[in-house]
Amino acid sequence: MQTYLVDMKAFVSEQGQVTIPEDLRSQLGIHPGDVLDFEEENGRLVARKVSATDRVNAVYGIIELDRSVDEAIAEMRGYETP
């Protein structure tokens, strides 16, 4: 289990916002724009970093074809291509 620096405190604003201490953000690799998922676990507030990358978008465009998509699909379905 990882231990963190003692006295890493943050105050909750009137809007419910909290600033995560810089040392902790650095240790956990939390960057601006990252998404955190919050839940309660045994009376503790737990935040987990969520992958912001859509898995479909991550692989979009990695296949290079020497023909159109319509021609590739027709071939996979066993249709004759013009």
PDB file of N, CA and C in Angstrom:
ATOM      1  N   MET A   1       0.842  -1.178   0.000  1.00  0.00           N
ATOM      2  CA  MET A   1       0.000   0.000   0.000  1.00  0.00           C
ATOM      3  C   MET A   1       0.885   1.240   0.000  1.00  0.00           C
ATOM      4  N   GLN A   2       0.549   2.178  -0.869  1.00  0.00           N
ATOM      5  CA  GLN A   2       1.331   3.408  -0.976  1.00  0.00           C
ATOM      6  C   GLN A   2       0.936   4.386   0.120  1.00  0.00           C
ATOM      7  N   THR A   3       1.920   4.967   0.763  1.00  0.00           N
ATOM      8  CA  THR A   3       1.633   5.989   1.757  1.00  0.00           C
ATOM      9  C   THR A   3       1.997   7.342   1.175  1.00  0.00           C
ATOM     10  N   TYR A   4       1.268   8.342   1.594  1.00  0.00           N
ATOM     11  CA  TYR A   4       1.458   9.681   1.077  1.00  0.00           C
ATOM     12  C   TYR A   4       1.948  10.588   2.193  1.00  0.00           C
ATOM     13  N   LEU A   5       2.370  11.765   1.807  1.00  0.00           N
ATOM     14  CA  LEU A   5       2.871  12.713   2.786  1.00  0.00           C
ATOM     15  C   LEU A   5       1.808  13.019   3.827  1.00  0.00           C
ATOM     16  N   VAL A   6       2.242  13.217   5.056  1.00  0.00           N
ATOM     17  CA  VAL A   6       1.336  13.550   6.150  1.00  0.00           C
ATOM     18  C   VAL A   6       0.902  15.003   5.979  1.00  0.00           C
ATOM     19  N   ASP A   7      -0.279  15.335   6.458  1.00  0.00           N
ATOM     20  CA  ASP A   7      -0.812  16.696   6.418  1.00  0.00           C
ATOM     21  C   ASP A   7      -1.092  17.199   5.013  1.00  0.00           C
ATOM     22  N   MET A   8      -1.482  16.320   4.118  1.00  0.00           N
ATOM     23  CA  MET A   8      -1.942  16.753   2.800  1.00  0.00           C
ATOM     24  C   MET A   8      -3.421  17.034   2.925  1.00  0.00           C
ATOM     25  N   LYS A   9      -3.729  18.261   3.223  1.00  0.00           N
ATOM     26  CA  LYS A   9      -5.119  18.636   3.450  1.00  0.00           C
ATOM     27  C   LYS A   9      -5.595  19.569   2.361  1.00  0.00           C
ATOM     28  N   ALA A  10      -6.904  19.557   2.139  1.00  0.00           N
ATOM     29  CA  ALA A  10      -7.534  20.491   1.208  1.00  0.00           C
ATOM     30  C   ALA A  10      -8.882  20.873   1.806  1.00  0.00           C
ATOM     31  N   PHE A  11      -9.312  22.081   1.514  1.00  0.00           N
ATOM     32  CA  PHE A  11     -10.587  22.562   2.012  1.00  0.00           C
ATOM     33  C   PHE A  11     -11.653  22.429   0.930  1.00  0.00           C
ATOM     34  N   VAL A  12     -12.869  22.142   1.352  1.00  0.00           N
ATOM     35  CA  VAL A  12     -13.998  22.038   0.441  1.00  0.00           C
ATOM     36  C   VAL A  12     -14.603  23.428   0.286  1.00  0.00           C
ATOM     37  N   SER A  13     -14.747  23.886  -0.957  1.00  0.00           N
ATOM     38  CA  SER A  13     -15.331  25.211  -1.207  1.00  0.00           C
ATOM     39  C   SER A  13     -16.847  25.142  -1.044  1.00  0.00           C
ATOM     40  N   GLU A  14     -17.494  26.293  -1.082  1.00  0.00           N
ATOM     41  CA  GLU A  14     -18.956  26.331  -0.970  1.00  0.00           C
ATOM     42  C   GLU A  14     -19.623  25.577  -2.110  1.00  0.00           C
ATOM     43  N   GLN A  15     -18.950  25.479  -3.246  1.00  0.00           N
ATOM     44  CA  GLN A  15     -19.494  24.739  -4.394  1.00  0.00           C
ATOM     45  C   GLN A  15     -19.153  23.252  -4.342  1.00  0.00           C
ATOM     46  N   GLY A  16     -18.469  22.816  -3.281  1.00  0.00           N
ATOM     47  CA  GLY A  16     -18.108  21.413  -3.138  1.00  0.00           C
ATOM     48  C   GLY A  16     -16.819  21.052  -3.850  1.00  0.00           C
ATOM     49  N   GLN A  17     -16.048  22.033  -4.277  1.00  0.00           N
ATOM     50  CA  GLN A  17     -14.812  21.779  -4.994  1.00  0.00           C
ATOM     51  C   GLN A  17     -13.640  21.606  -4.032  1.00  0.00           C
ATOM     52  N   VAL A  18     -12.718  20.740  -4.438  1.00  0.00           N
ATOM     53  CA  VAL A  18     -11.521  20.473  -3.646  1.00  0.00           C
ATOM     54  C   VAL A  18     -10.331  20.503  -4.597  1.00  0.00           C
ATOM     55  N   THR A  19      -9.251  21.120  -4.176  1.00  0.00           N
ATOM     56  CA  THR A  19      -8.018  21.097  -4.956  1.00  0.00           C
ATOM     57  C   THR A  19      -7.154  19.952  -4.437  1.00  0.00           C
ATOM     58  N   ILE A  20      -6.786  19.061  -5.341  1.00  0.00           N
ATOM     59  CA  ILE A  20      -5.924  17.942  -4.969  1.00  0.00           C
ATOM     60  C   ILE A  20      -4.501  18.482  -4.865  1.00  0.00           C
ATOM     61  N   PRO A  21      -3.820  18.251  -3.746  1.00  0.00           N
ATOM     62  CA  PRO A  21      -2.459  18.767  -3.578  1.00  0.00           C
ATOM     63  C   PRO A  21      -1.545  18.357  -4.737  1.00  0.00           C
ATOM     64  N   GLU A  22      -0.669  19.277  -5.134  1.00  0.00           N
ATOM     65  CA  GLU A  22       0.205  19.075  -6.288  1.00  0.00           C
ATOM     66  C   GLU A  22       1.068  17.820  -6.169  1.00  0.00           C
ATOM     67  N   ASP A  23       1.655  17.568  -5.002  1.00  0.00           N
ATOM     68  CA  ASP A  23       2.490  16.376  -4.825  1.00  0.00           C
ATOM     69  C   ASP A  23       1.694  15.099  -5.073  1.00  0.00           C
ATOM     70  N   LEU A  24       0.462  15.076  -4.594  1.00  0.00           N
ATOM     71  CA  LEU A  24      -0.388  13.900  -4.768  1.00  0.00           C
ATOM     72  C   LEU A  24      -0.793  13.734  -6.228  1.00  0.00           C
ATOM     73  N   ARG A  25      -1.141  14.837  -6.901  1.00  0.00           N
ATOM     74  CA  ARG A  25      -1.465  14.774  -8.331  1.00  0.00           C
ATOM     75  C   ARG A  25      -0.289  14.223  -9.114  1.00  0.00           C
ATOM     76  N   SER A  26       0.899  14.675  -8.763  1.00  0.00           N
ATOM     77  CA  SER A  26       2.104  14.225  -9.456  1.00  0.00           C
ATOM     78  C   SER A  26       2.345  12.729  -9.230  1.00  0.00           C
ATOM     79  N   GLN A  27       2.245  12.275  -7.980  1.00  0.00           N
ATOM     80  CA  GLN A  27       2.466  10.862  -7.648  1.00  0.00           C
ATOM     81  C   GLN A  27       1.472   9.951  -8.367  1.00  0.00           C
ATOM     82  N   LEU A  28       0.238  10.437  -8.516  1.00  0.00           N
ATOM     83  CA  LEU A  28      -0.814   9.610  -9.111  1.00  0.00           C
ATOM     84  C   LEU A  28      -0.992   9.837 -10.605  1.00  0.00           C
ATOM     85  N   GLY A  29      -0.234  10.766 -11.163  1.00  0.00           N
ATOM     86  CA  GLY A  29      -0.338  11.030 -12.597  1.00  0.00           C
ATOM     87  C   GLY A  29      -1.667  11.648 -12.986  1.00  0.00           C
ATOM     88  N   ILE A  30      -2.195  12.517 -12.144  1.00  0.00           N
ATOM     89  CA  ILE A  30      -3.463  13.191 -12.431  1.00  0.00           C
ATOM     90  C   ILE A  30      -3.137  14.523 -13.109  1.00  0.00           C
ATOM     91  N   HIS A  31      -3.732  14.735 -14.278  1.00  0.00           N
ATOM     92  CA  HIS A  31      -3.447  15.925 -15.071  1.00  0.00           C
ATOM     93  C   HIS A  31      -4.735  16.684 -15.367  1.00  0.00           C
ATOM     94  N   PRO A  32      -4.628  17.978 -15.713  1.00  0.00           N
ATOM     95  CA  PRO A  32      -5.824  18.741 -16.069  1.00  0.00           C
ATOM     96  C   PRO A  32      -6.604  18.036 -17.175  1.00  0.00           C
ATOM     97  N   GLY A  33      -7.900  17.953 -17.010  1.00  0.00           N
ATOM     98  CA  GLY A  33      -8.757  17.286 -17.990  1.00  0.00           C
ATOM     99  C   GLY A  33      -9.022  15.826 -17.679  1.00  0.00           C
ATOM    100  N   ASP A  34      -8.259  15.226 -16.767  1.00  0.00           N
ATOM    101  CA  ASP A  34      -8.515  13.839 -16.383  1.00  0.00           C
ATOM    102  C   ASP A  34      -9.869  13.746 -15.683  1.00  0.00           C
ATOM    103  N   VAL A  35     -10.500  12.596 -15.799  1.00  0.00           N
ATOM    104  CA  VAL A  35     -11.797  12.357 -15.167  1.00  0.00           C
ATOM    105  C   VAL A  35     -11.587  11.464 -13.953  1.00  0.00           C
ATOM    106  N   LEU A  36     -12.193  11.847 -12.828  1.00  0.00           N
ATOM    107  CA  LEU A  36     -12.135  11.045 -11.609  1.00  0.00           C
ATOM    108  C   LEU A  36     -13.528  10.546 -11.280  1.00  0.00           C
ATOM    109  N   ASP A  37     -13.621   9.313 -10.835  1.00  0.00           N
ATOM    110  CA  ASP A  37     -14.866   8.697 -10.405  1.00  0.00           C
ATOM    111  C   ASP A  37     -14.832   8.629  -8.886  1.00  0.00           C
ATOM    112  N   PHE A  38     -15.868   9.152  -8.223  1.00  0.00           N
ATOM    113  CA  PHE A  38     -15.906   9.197  -6.766  1.00  0.00           C
ATOM    114  C   PHE A  38     -16.894   8.178  -6.227  1.00  0.00           C
ATOM    115  N   GLU A  39     -16.534   7.571  -5.096  1.00  0.00           N
ATOM    116  CA  GLU A  39     -17.456   6.685  -4.396  1.00  0.00           C
ATOM    117  C   GLU A  39     -17.099   6.653  -2.915  1.00  0.00           C
ATOM    118  N   GLU A  40     -18.019   6.168  -2.143  1.00  0.00           N
ATOM    119  CA  GLU A  40     -17.801   6.018  -0.697  1.00  0.00           C
ATOM    120  C   GLU A  40     -17.402   4.583  -0.448  1.00  0.00           C
ATOM    121  N   GLU A  41     -16.347   4.402   0.346  1.00  0.00           N
ATOM    122  CA  GLU A  41     -15.854   3.068   0.663  1.00  0.00           C
ATOM    123  C   GLU A  41     -15.498   3.015   2.138  1.00  0.00           C
ATOM    124  N   ASN A  42     -16.313   2.330   2.914  1.00  0.00           N
ATOM    125  CA  ASN A  42     -16.075   2.194   4.349  1.00  0.00           C
ATOM    126  C   ASN A  42     -15.892   3.545   5.046  1.00  0.00           C
ATOM    127  N   GLY A  43     -16.751   4.488   4.709  1.00  0.00           N
ATOM    128  CA  GLY A  43     -16.709   5.801   5.342  1.00  0.00           C
ATOM    129  C   GLY A  43     -15.644   6.732   4.791  1.00  0.00           C
ATOM    130  N   ARG A  44     -14.995   6.346   3.713  1.00  0.00           N
ATOM    131  CA  ARG A  44     -13.954   7.176   3.101  1.00  0.00           C
ATOM    132  C   ARG A  44     -14.386   7.591   1.701  1.00  0.00           C
ATOM    133  N   LEU A  45     -13.976   8.762   1.312  1.00  0.00           N
ATOM    134  CA  LEU A  45     -14.199   9.218  -0.050  1.00  0.00           C
ATOM    135  C   LEU A  45     -13.051   8.708  -0.902  1.00  0.00           C
ATOM    136  N   VAL A  46     -13.368   7.947  -1.925  1.00  0.00           N
ATOM    137  CA  VAL A  46     -12.348   7.355  -2.788  1.00  0.00           C
ATOM    138  C   VAL A  46     -12.535   7.892  -4.201  1.00  0.00           C
ATOM    139  N   ALA A  47     -11.465   8.382  -4.788  1.00  0.00           N
ATOM    140  CA  ALA A  47     -11.483   8.853  -6.171  1.00  0.00           C
ATOM    141  C   ALA A  47     -10.602   7.936  -6.998  1.00  0.00           C
ATOM    142  N   ARG A  48     -11.114   7.543  -8.145  1.00  0.00           N
ATOM    143  CA  ARG A  48     -10.343   6.700  -9.060  1.00  0.00           C
ATOM    144  C   ARG A  48     -10.265   7.390 -10.409  1.00  0.00           C
ATOM    145  N   LYS A  49      -9.096   7.351 -11.006  1.00  0.00           N
ATOM    146  CA  LYS A  49      -8.897   7.938 -12.321  1.00  0.00           C
ATOM    147  C   LYS A  49      -9.603   7.059 -13.349  1.00  0.00           C
ATOM    148  N   VAL A  50     -10.395   7.687 -14.198  1.00  0.00           N
ATOM    149  CA  VAL A  50     -11.160   6.974 -15.216  1.00  0.00           C
ATOM    150  C   VAL A  50     -10.486   7.203 -16.562  1.00  0.00           C
ATOM    151  N   SER A  51     -10.431   6.162 -17.362  1.00  0.00           N
ATOM    152  CA  SER A  51      -9.889   6.313 -18.702  1.00  0.00           C
ATOM    153  C   SER A  51     -10.837   7.180 -19.513  1.00  0.00           C
ATOM    154  N   ALA A  52     -10.342   8.316 -19.959  1.00  0.00           N
ATOM    155  CA  ALA A  52     -11.175   9.227 -20.740  1.00  0.00           C
ATOM    156  C   ALA A  52     -11.192   8.845 -22.211  1.00  0.00           C
ATOM    157  N   THR A  53     -10.380   7.873 -22.605  1.00  0.00           N
ATOM    158  CA  THR A  53     -10.297   7.479 -24.000  1.00  0.00           C
ATOM    159  C   THR A  53     -11.364   6.448 -24.314  1.00  0.00           C
ATOM    160  N   ASP A  54     -12.193   6.761 -25.278  1.00  0.00           N
ATOM    161  CA  ASP A  54     -13.192   5.817 -25.757  1.00  0.00           C
ATOM    162  C   ASP A  54     -12.454   4.696 -26.487  1.00  0.00           C
ATOM    163  N   ARG A  55     -12.713   3.474 -26.146  1.00  0.00           N
ATOM    164  CA  ARG A  55     -11.978   2.347 -26.734  1.00  0.00           C
ATOM    165  C   ARG A  55     -12.175   2.252 -28.238  1.00  0.00           C
ATOM    166  N   VAL A  56     -13.362   2.599 -28.715  1.00  0.00           N
ATOM    167  CA  VAL A  56     -13.595   2.568 -30.164  1.00  0.00           C
ATOM    168  C   VAL A  56     -12.785   3.668 -30.838  1.00  0.00           C
ATOM    169  N   ASN A  57     -12.821   4.871 -30.272  1.00  0.00           N
ATOM    170  CA  ASN A  57     -12.051   5.970 -30.849  1.00  0.00           C
ATOM    171  C   ASN A  57     -10.553   5.704 -30.812  1.00  0.00           C
ATOM    172  N   ALA A  58     -10.099   4.950 -29.836  1.00  0.00           N
ATOM    173  CA  ALA A  58      -8.671   4.664 -29.717  1.00  0.00           C
ATOM    174  C   ALA A  58      -8.154   3.832 -30.885  1.00  0.00           C
ATOM    175  N   VAL A  59      -9.005   2.999 -31.488  1.00  0.00           N
ATOM    176  CA  VAL A  59      -8.565   2.147 -32.595  1.00  0.00           C
ATOM    177  C   VAL A  59      -9.093   2.630 -33.943  1.00  0.00           C
ATOM    178  N   TYR A  60      -9.886   3.693 -33.933  1.00  0.00           N
ATOM    179  CA  TYR A  60     -10.449   4.211 -35.176  1.00  0.00           C
ATOM    180  C   TYR A  60      -9.334   4.619 -36.138  1.00  0.00           C
ATOM    181  N   GLY A  61      -9.425   4.119 -37.356  1.00  0.00           N
ATOM    182  CA  GLY A  61      -8.487   4.527 -38.387  1.00  0.00           C
ATOM    183  C   GLY A  61      -7.170   3.783 -38.423  1.00  0.00           C
ATOM    184  N   ILE A  62      -7.009   2.711 -37.634  1.00  0.00           N
ATOM    185  CA  ILE A  62      -5.716   2.020 -37.636  1.00  0.00           C
ATOM    186  C   ILE A  62      -5.581   1.012 -38.778  1.00  0.00           C
ATOM    187  N   ILE A  63      -6.720   0.649 -39.387  1.00  0.00           N
ATOM    188  CA  ILE A  63      -6.669  -0.300 -40.502  1.00  0.00           C
ATOM    189  C   ILE A  63      -6.575   0.487 -41.802  1.00  0.00           C
ATOM    190  N   GLU A  64      -5.577   0.165 -42.593  1.00  0.00           N
ATOM    191  CA  GLU A  64      -5.415   0.807 -43.892  1.00  0.00           C
ATOM    192  C   GLU A  64      -5.895  -0.160 -44.966  1.00  0.00           C
ATOM    193  N   LEU A  65      -6.777   0.314 -45.813  1.00  0.00           N
ATOM    194  CA  LEU A  65      -7.324  -0.512 -46.889  1.00  0.00           C
ATOM    195  C   LEU A  65      -6.817  -0.022 -48.235  1.00  0.00           C
ATOM    196  N   ASP A  66      -6.667  -0.972 -49.165  1.00  0.00           N
ATOM    197  CA  ASP A  66      -6.266  -0.599 -50.521  1.00  0.00           C
ATOM    198  C   ASP A  66      -7.484  -0.446 -51.424  1.00  0.00           C
ATOM    199  N   ARG A  67      -8.659  -0.430 -50.813  1.00  0.00           N
ATOM    200  CA  ARG A  67      -9.929  -0.278 -51.542  1.00  0.00           C
ATOM    201  C   ARG A  67     -10.913   0.459 -50.645  1.00  0.00           C
ATOM    202  N   SER A  68     -12.072   0.769 -51.165  1.00  0.00           N
ATOM    203  CA  SER A  68     -13.065   1.485 -50.367  1.00  0.00           C
ATOM    204  C   SER A  68     -13.652   0.555 -49.302  1.00  0.00           C
ATOM    205  N   VAL A  69     -14.223   1.142 -48.272  1.00  0.00           N
ATOM    206  CA  VAL A  69     -14.855   0.356 -47.212  1.00  0.00           C
ATOM    207  C   VAL A  69     -15.998  -0.474 -47.784  1.00  0.00           C
ATOM    208  N   ASP A  70     -16.788   0.127 -48.681  1.00  0.00           N
ATOM    209  CA  ASP A  70     -17.900  -0.605 -49.305  1.00  0.00           C
ATOM    210  C   ASP A  70     -17.401  -1.834 -50.056  1.00  0.00           C
ATOM    211  N   GLU A  71     -16.286  -1.704 -50.762  1.00  0.00           N
ATOM    212  CA  GLU A  71     -15.725  -2.852 -51.484  1.00  0.00           C
ATOM    213  C   GLU A  71     -15.228  -3.923 -50.508  1.00  0.00           C
ATOM    214  N   ALA A  72     -14.597  -3.511 -49.410  1.00  0.00           N
ATOM    215  CA  ALA A  72     -14.105  -4.471 -48.418  1.00  0.00           C
ATOM    216  C   ALA A  72     -15.262  -5.220 -47.770  1.00  0.00           C
ATOM    217  N   ILE A  73     -16.339  -4.511 -47.432  1.00  0.00           N
ATOM    218  CA  ILE A  73     -17.501  -5.162 -46.816  1.00  0.00           C
ATOM    219  C   ILE A  73     -18.162  -6.118 -47.796  1.00  0.00           C
ATOM    220  N   ALA A  74     -18.288  -5.699 -49.052  1.00  0.00           N
ATOM    221  CA  ALA A  74     -18.888  -6.568 -50.067  1.00  0.00           C
ATOM    222  C   ALA A  74     -18.073  -7.852 -50.210  1.00  0.00           C
ATOM    223  N   GLU A  75     -16.759  -7.720 -50.187  1.00  0.00           N
ATOM    224  CA  GLU A  75     -15.903  -8.909 -50.302  1.00  0.00           C
ATOM    225  C   GLU A  75     -16.082  -9.823 -49.089  1.00  0.00           C
ATOM    226  N   MET A  76     -16.143  -9.244 -47.880  1.00  0.00           N
ATOM    227  CA  MET A  76     -16.333 -10.055 -46.675  1.00  0.00           C
ATOM    228  C   MET A  76     -17.666 -10.791 -46.689  1.00  0.00           C
ATOM    229  N   ARG A  77     -18.662 -10.175 -47.287  1.00  0.00           N
ATOM    230  CA  ARG A  77     -20.000 -10.793 -47.349  1.00  0.00           C
ATOM    231  C   ARG A  77     -20.135 -11.748 -48.520  1.00  0.00           C
ATOM    232  N   GLY A  78     -19.116 -11.812 -49.365  1.00  0.00           N
ATOM    233  CA  GLY A  78     -19.135 -12.742 -50.491  1.00  0.00           C
ATOM    234  C   GLY A  78     -19.826 -12.194 -51.721  1.00  0.00           C
ATOM    235  N   TYR A  79     -20.058 -10.897 -51.758  1.00  0.00           N
ATOM    236  CA  TYR A  79     -20.670 -10.277 -52.935  1.00  0.00           C
ATOM    237  C   TYR A  79     -19.596  -9.980 -53.965  1.00  0.00           C
ATOM    238  N   GLU A  80     -19.998  -9.948 -55.195  1.00  0.00           N
ATOM    239  CA  GLU A  80     -19.070  -9.552 -56.236  1.00  0.00           C
ATOM    240  C   GLU A  80     -18.934  -8.039 -56.236  1.00  0.00           C
ATOM    241  N   THR A  81     -17.715  -7.577 -56.431  1.00  0.00           N
ATOM    242  CA  THR A  81     -17.485  -6.138 -56.478  1.00  0.00           C
ATOM    243  C   THR A  81     -17.376  -5.726 -57.940  1.00  0.00           C
ATOM    244  N   PRO A  82     -17.890  -4.558 -58.257  1.00  0.00           N
ATOM    245  CA  PRO A  82     -17.847  -4.098 -59.660  1.00  0.00           C
ATOM    246  C   PRO A  82     -16.436  -3.806 -60.135  1.00  0.00           C
TER     247      PRO A  82
END
